[in-house]
Amino acid sequence: MSSLRNTGVPINFDDPITGNTAPARIPVSRLTDLSELSSLVKDGLLPPSYVGGFSSRHPGGANFLFGDGSVRFLSQKIRTSVYRSLGNRADGNLISDDEY
């Protein structure tokens, strides 16, 4: 299984890959073993291009390691545009450090 994640999914979003509560259309009983991911894709319950989001057991957000070596806690309430810009180094968006 890959450790690939992206900022297209909100922090701590209910997600079958992270083990959090799955979307209602995916039976929770199918998610007890992460090796079953391929069968979820095969059965049409997840798209083949599915990439999960970041999550943590920290309430309200998660810790992130930045390219400069710093670790910062990002709140689940971060603005979507800022969160997505943080996850894309090639988008050309400049973000002030007081935005996250």
C-alpha atoms as a PDB file:
ATOM      1  CA  MET A   1       0.000   0.000   0.000  1.00  0.00           C
ATOM      2  CA  SER A   2       1.212   3.474  -0.831  1.00  0.00           C
ATOM      3  CA  SER A   3       1.739   6.263   1.651  1.00  0.00           C
ATOM      4  CA  LEU A   4       0.712   8.814  -0.982  1.00  0.00           C
ATOM      5  CA  ARG A   5      -1.689  11.484   0.320  1.00  0.00           C
ATOM      6  CA  ASN A   6      -2.924  14.799  -1.004  1.00  0.00           C
ATOM      7  CA  THR A   7      -4.544  18.050   0.092  1.00  0.00           C
ATOM      8  CA  GLY A   8      -7.633  17.497  -2.054  1.00  0.00           C
ATOM      9  CA  VAL A   9      -9.246  15.769   0.934  1.00  0.00           C
ATOM     10  CA  PRO A  10      -9.786  17.781   4.159  1.00  0.00           C
ATOM     11  CA  ILE A  11      -7.636  16.988   7.224  1.00  0.00           C
ATOM     12  CA  ASN A  12      -9.088  14.109   9.284  1.00  0.00           C
ATOM     13  CA  PHE A  13     -11.851  13.542   6.740  1.00  0.00           C
ATOM     14  CA  ASP A  14     -13.792  10.307   7.246  1.00  0.00           C
ATOM     15  CA  ASP A  15     -11.744   8.055   5.005  1.00  0.00           C
ATOM     16  CA  PRO A  16     -11.556   4.289   4.534  1.00  0.00           C
ATOM     17  CA  ILE A  17      -7.805   4.346   3.948  1.00  0.00           C
ATOM     18  CA  THR A  18      -6.989   6.016   7.259  1.00  0.00           C
ATOM     19  CA  GLY A  19      -9.378   3.729   9.108  1.00  0.00           C
ATOM     20  CA  ASN A  20     -11.764   6.530  10.036  1.00  0.00           C
ATOM     21  CA  THR A  21     -15.492   6.075   9.471  1.00  0.00           C
ATOM     22  CA  ALA A  22     -16.050   5.331   5.815  1.00  0.00           C
ATOM     23  CA  PRO A  23     -18.553   7.035   3.529  1.00  0.00           C
ATOM     24  CA  ALA A  24     -21.974   5.439   3.929  1.00  0.00           C
ATOM     25  CA  ARG A  25     -21.884   3.647   0.583  1.00  0.00           C
ATOM     26  CA  ILE A  26     -18.815   1.582   1.561  1.00  0.00           C
ATOM     27  CA  PRO A  27     -19.623  -1.157   4.090  1.00  0.00           C
ATOM     28  CA  VAL A  28     -17.492  -0.594   7.200  1.00  0.00           C
ATOM     29  CA  SER A  29     -17.041  -4.368   7.532  1.00  0.00           C
ATOM     30  CA  ARG A  30     -15.014  -4.259   4.286  1.00  0.00           C
ATOM     31  CA  LEU A  31     -12.493  -1.854   5.826  1.00  0.00           C
ATOM     32  CA  THR A  32     -11.076  -3.935   8.664  1.00  0.00           C
ATOM     33  CA  ASP A  33      -8.119  -5.023   6.527  1.00  0.00           C
ATOM     34  CA  LEU A  34      -6.406  -2.339   4.444  1.00  0.00           C
ATOM     35  CA  SER A  35      -5.188  -5.016   2.029  1.00  0.00           C
ATOM     36  CA  GLU A  36      -8.776  -5.061   0.752  1.00  0.00           C
ATOM     37  CA  LEU A  37      -8.282  -1.683  -0.944  1.00  0.00           C
ATOM     38  CA  SER A  38      -7.850  -3.322  -4.339  1.00  0.00           C
ATOM     39  CA  SER A  39     -11.163  -5.130  -3.961  1.00  0.00           C
ATOM     40  CA  LEU A  40     -12.889  -1.849  -3.067  1.00  0.00           C
ATOM     41  CA  VAL A  41     -11.586  -0.406  -6.328  1.00  0.00           C
ATOM     42  CA  LYS A  42     -12.498  -3.562  -8.272  1.00  0.00           C
ATOM     43  CA  ASP A  43     -16.036  -3.552  -6.815  1.00  0.00           C
ATOM     44  CA  GLY A  44     -16.493   0.086  -7.854  1.00  0.00           C
ATOM     45  CA  LEU A  45     -16.674   1.383  -4.271  1.00  0.00           C
ATOM     46  CA  LEU A  46     -13.555   3.523  -4.770  1.00  0.00           C
ATOM     47  CA  PRO A  47     -12.289   5.046  -8.029  1.00  0.00           C
ATOM     48  CA  PRO A  48      -8.977   3.639  -9.377  1.00  0.00           C
ATOM     49  CA  SER A  49      -7.367   7.053  -8.950  1.00  0.00           C
ATOM     50  CA  TYR A  50      -8.322   7.261  -5.245  1.00  0.00           C
ATOM     51  CA  VAL A  51      -5.741   8.974  -3.044  1.00  0.00           C
ATOM     52  CA  GLY A  52      -6.537   9.500   0.619  1.00  0.00           C
ATOM     53  CA  GLY A  53      -6.012  12.629   2.632  1.00  0.00           C
ATOM     54  CA  PHE A  54      -3.924  13.372   5.694  1.00  0.00           C
ATOM     55  CA  SER A  55      -5.199  12.385   9.106  1.00  0.00           C
ATOM     56  CA  SER A  56      -4.094  12.124  12.682  1.00  0.00           C
ATOM     57  CA  ARG A  57      -5.423  11.060  16.045  1.00  0.00           C
ATOM     58  CA  HIS A  58      -4.923  14.653  17.196  1.00  0.00           C
ATOM     59  CA  PRO A  59      -8.319  16.286  17.689  1.00  0.00           C
ATOM     60  CA  GLY A  60      -8.906  19.278  15.461  1.00  0.00           C
ATOM     61  CA  GLY A  61      -6.050  18.822  12.996  1.00  0.00           C
ATOM     62  CA  ALA A  62      -2.723  17.126  12.304  1.00  0.00           C
ATOM     63  CA  ASN A  63       1.027  17.752  12.471  1.00  0.00           C
ATOM     64  CA  PHE A  64       2.791  18.331   9.148  1.00  0.00           C
ATOM     65  CA  LEU A  65       6.491  18.259   8.321  1.00  0.00           C
ATOM     66  CA  PHE A  66       7.404  21.146   6.005  1.00  0.00           C
ATOM     67  CA  GLY A  67      10.222  21.281   3.476  1.00  0.00           C
ATOM     68  CA  ASP A  68      12.237  23.638   5.706  1.00  0.00           C
ATOM     69  CA  GLY A  69      12.330  20.977   8.447  1.00  0.00           C
ATOM     70  CA  SER A  70       9.724  22.609  10.682  1.00  0.00           C
ATOM     71  CA  VAL A  71       6.735  20.721  12.037  1.00  0.00           C
ATOM     72  CA  ARG A  72       3.466  22.603  12.365  1.00  0.00           C
ATOM     73  CA  PHE A  73      -0.005  21.717  13.525  1.00  0.00           C
ATOM     74  CA  LEU A  74      -2.594  22.510  10.852  1.00  0.00           C
ATOM     75  CA  SER A  75      -6.169  22.922  11.989  1.00  0.00           C
ATOM     76  CA  GLN A  76      -9.028  21.123  10.286  1.00  0.00           C
ATOM     77  CA  LYS A  77     -10.525  24.597   9.953  1.00  0.00           C
ATOM     78  CA  ILE A  78      -7.749  25.793   7.624  1.00  0.00           C
ATOM     79  CA  ARG A  79      -9.123  27.561   4.551  1.00  0.00           C
ATOM     80  CA  THR A  80      -9.396  25.068   1.693  1.00  0.00           C
ATOM     81  CA  SER A  81      -7.533  27.344  -0.727  1.00  0.00           C
ATOM     82  CA  VAL A  82      -4.575  27.702   1.673  1.00  0.00           C
ATOM     83  CA  TYR A  83      -4.469  23.958   2.425  1.00  0.00           C
ATOM     84  CA  ARG A  84      -4.472  23.060  -1.260  1.00  0.00           C
ATOM     85  CA  SER A  85      -1.788  25.647  -2.034  1.00  0.00           C
ATOM     86  CA  LEU A  86       0.428  24.181   0.699  1.00  0.00           C
ATOM     87  CA  GLY A  87       0.159  20.823  -1.047  1.00  0.00           C
ATOM     88  CA  ASN A  88       1.164  22.090  -4.495  1.00  0.00           C
ATOM     89  CA  ARG A  89       4.648  23.521  -4.933  1.00  0.00           C
ATOM     90  CA  ALA A  90       4.123  24.288  -8.624  1.00  0.00           C
ATOM     91  CA  ASP A  91       0.928  26.360  -8.457  1.00  0.00           C
ATOM     92  CA  GLY A  92       2.776  29.665  -8.051  1.00  0.00           C
ATOM     93  CA  ASN A  93       0.696  30.721  -5.043  1.00  0.00           C
ATOM     94  CA  LEU A  94       2.569  32.543  -2.300  1.00  0.00           C
ATOM     95  CA  ILE A  95       1.196  31.937   1.173  1.00  0.00           C
ATOM     96  CA  SER A  96       1.984  34.034   4.207  1.00  0.00           C
ATOM     97  CA  ASP A  97       2.915  31.981   7.251  1.00  0.00           C
ATOM     98  CA  ASP A  98       0.134  33.668   9.215  1.00  0.00           C
ATOM     99  CA  GLU A  99      -2.440  31.925   6.991  1.00  0.00           C
ATOM    100  CA  TYR A 100      -1.778  28.493   8.490  1.00  0.00           C
END
